[in-house]
Amino acid sequence: METTIDRAGRVVIPRALREAIGLADGGRVEVVEIDGRIVISPQPVAKRLVDAGGVVVCVPDEPVPVLTADAVRALLVATRR
């Protein structure tokens, strides 16, 4: 996907990508440079390990979007253009 940078240095992340990874208005992201590339990643959600009937599971401290097969397909289609 292609986008532009405005004079203030802002980049619009295309809707299909935002929806695929659950970014919403006001969502926090981390921006880093790796080998000459800019990598934008959603900030990790705080989580904890809990015992669920003898099985340790990871539980997020805040709601996270459900990753559906349709969302994965949409992202694949959007990134193959």
C-alpha atoms as a PDB file:
ATOM      1  CA  MET A   1       0.000   0.000   0.000  1.00  0.00           C
ATOM      2  CA  GLU A   2       1.126   3.495  -0.663  1.00  0.00           C
ATOM      3  CA  THR A   3       0.422   6.666   1.311  1.00  0.00           C
ATOM      4  CA  THR A   4       1.950  10.129   1.647  1.00  0.00           C
ATOM      5  CA  ILE A   5       3.606  12.202   4.340  1.00  0.00           C
ATOM      6  CA  ASP A   6       2.213  15.701   4.940  1.00  0.00           C
ATOM      7  CA  ARG A   7       4.246  18.802   5.832  1.00  0.00           C
ATOM      8  CA  ALA A   8       3.860  18.085   9.534  1.00  0.00           C
ATOM      9  CA  GLY A   9       5.375  14.609   9.052  1.00  0.00           C
ATOM     10  CA  ARG A  10       2.069  12.770   9.513  1.00  0.00           C
ATOM     11  CA  VAL A  11       1.340   9.545   7.690  1.00  0.00           C
ATOM     12  CA  VAL A  12      -2.147   8.145   7.198  1.00  0.00           C
ATOM     13  CA  ILE A  13      -2.276   4.404   7.804  1.00  0.00           C
ATOM     14  CA  PRO A  14      -4.811   2.957   5.347  1.00  0.00           C
ATOM     15  CA  ARG A  15      -8.100   1.832   6.877  1.00  0.00           C
ATOM     16  CA  ALA A  16      -7.700  -1.823   5.859  1.00  0.00           C
ATOM     17  CA  LEU A  17      -4.413  -2.019   7.756  1.00  0.00           C
ATOM     18  CA  ARG A  18      -5.767  -0.182  10.822  1.00  0.00           C
ATOM     19  CA  GLU A  19      -8.790  -2.457  10.975  1.00  0.00           C
ATOM     20  CA  ALA A  20      -6.730  -5.605  10.470  1.00  0.00           C
ATOM     21  CA  ILE A  21      -4.580  -4.936  13.526  1.00  0.00           C
ATOM     22  CA  GLY A  22      -7.237  -3.224  15.631  1.00  0.00           C
ATOM     23  CA  LEU A  23      -5.918   0.336  15.644  1.00  0.00           C
ATOM     24  CA  ALA A  24      -8.572   2.869  16.628  1.00  0.00           C
ATOM     25  CA  ASP A  25      -8.686   6.641  17.017  1.00  0.00           C
ATOM     26  CA  GLY A  26      -6.301   7.608  19.791  1.00  0.00           C
ATOM     27  CA  GLY A  27      -4.575   4.229  19.654  1.00  0.00           C
ATOM     28  CA  ARG A  28      -0.950   4.255  20.751  1.00  0.00           C
ATOM     29  CA  VAL A  29       1.785   3.001  18.450  1.00  0.00           C
ATOM     30  CA  GLU A  30       5.527   2.579  18.671  1.00  0.00           C
ATOM     31  CA  VAL A  31       7.653   3.963  15.817  1.00  0.00           C
ATOM     32  CA  VAL A  32      11.212   2.692  15.347  1.00  0.00           C
ATOM     33  CA  GLU A  33      13.854   2.681  12.622  1.00  0.00           C
ATOM     34  CA  ILE A  34      15.246  -0.725  11.723  1.00  0.00           C
ATOM     35  CA  ASP A  35      17.828  -1.069   8.938  1.00  0.00           C
ATOM     36  CA  GLY A  36      16.681   2.129   7.213  1.00  0.00           C
ATOM     37  CA  ARG A  37      12.974   1.285   7.466  1.00  0.00           C
ATOM     38  CA  ILE A  38      10.321   2.892   9.634  1.00  0.00           C
ATOM     39  CA  VAL A  39       8.369   0.252  11.554  1.00  0.00           C
ATOM     40  CA  ILE A  40       5.073   1.214  13.197  1.00  0.00           C
ATOM     41  CA  SER A  41       3.659  -1.267  15.706  1.00  0.00           C
ATOM     42  CA  PRO A  42       0.677  -1.120  18.046  1.00  0.00           C
ATOM     43  CA  GLN A  43       1.777  -0.668  21.638  1.00  0.00           C
ATOM     44  CA  PRO A  44       1.542  -3.990  23.423  1.00  0.00           C
ATOM     45  CA  VAL A  45      -1.461  -4.530  25.650  1.00  0.00           C
ATOM     46  CA  ALA A  46      -0.672  -5.065  29.337  1.00  0.00           C
ATOM     47  CA  LYS A  47      -1.322  -8.678  30.233  1.00  0.00           C
ATOM     48  CA  ARG A  48      -0.895 -11.160  33.025  1.00  0.00           C
ATOM     49  CA  LEU A  49      -0.657 -14.907  33.448  1.00  0.00           C
ATOM     50  CA  VAL A  50      -3.438 -16.547  35.453  1.00  0.00           C
ATOM     51  CA  ASP A  51      -4.232 -20.103  36.495  1.00  0.00           C
ATOM     52  CA  ALA A  52      -7.415 -21.252  34.760  1.00  0.00           C
ATOM     53  CA  GLY A  53      -8.218 -24.652  36.186  1.00  0.00           C
ATOM     54  CA  GLY A  54      -4.658 -25.918  36.215  1.00  0.00           C
ATOM     55  CA  VAL A  55      -3.729 -24.316  32.907  1.00  0.00           C
ATOM     56  CA  VAL A  56      -1.781 -21.064  32.786  1.00  0.00           C
ATOM     57  CA  VAL A  57      -3.309 -18.594  30.320  1.00  0.00           C
ATOM     58  CA  CYS A  58      -2.412 -15.079  29.268  1.00  0.00           C
ATOM     59  CA  VAL A  59      -5.180 -12.545  29.977  1.00  0.00           C
ATOM     60  CA  PRO A  60      -5.146  -8.966  28.616  1.00  0.00           C
ATOM     61  CA  ASP A  61      -5.763  -6.174  31.138  1.00  0.00           C
ATOM     62  CA  GLU A  62      -7.980  -4.339  28.623  1.00  0.00           C
ATOM     63  CA  PRO A  63     -10.289  -5.458  25.815  1.00  0.00           C
ATOM     64  CA  VAL A  64      -8.593  -6.394  22.556  1.00  0.00           C
ATOM     65  CA  PRO A  65     -10.247  -6.705  19.134  1.00  0.00           C
ATOM     66  CA  VAL A  66     -11.177 -10.156  17.917  1.00  0.00           C
ATOM     67  CA  LEU A  67      -9.043 -11.281  14.996  1.00  0.00           C
ATOM     68  CA  THR A  68     -11.382 -12.827  12.452  1.00  0.00           C
ATOM     69  CA  ALA A  69     -10.656 -14.807   9.308  1.00  0.00           C
ATOM     70  CA  ASP A  70     -12.301 -11.998   7.308  1.00  0.00           C
ATOM     71  CA  ALA A  71      -9.922  -9.423   8.812  1.00  0.00           C
ATOM     72  CA  VAL A  72      -6.908 -11.582   7.936  1.00  0.00           C
ATOM     73  CA  ARG A  73      -8.183 -12.046   4.363  1.00  0.00           C
ATOM     74  CA  ALA A  74      -8.793  -8.305   3.996  1.00  0.00           C
ATOM     75  CA  LEU A  75      -5.254  -7.541   5.145  1.00  0.00           C
ATOM     76  CA  LEU A  76      -3.777 -10.080   2.752  1.00  0.00           C
ATOM     77  CA  VAL A  77      -5.742  -8.648  -0.167  1.00  0.00           C
ATOM     78  CA  ALA A  78      -4.840  -5.071   0.784  1.00  0.00           C
ATOM     79  CA  THR A  79      -1.117  -5.757   1.122  1.00  0.00           C
ATOM     80  CA  ARG A  80      -0.839  -7.730  -2.142  1.00  0.00           C
ATOM     81  CA  ARG A  81      -1.817  -4.738  -4.298  1.00  0.00           C
END
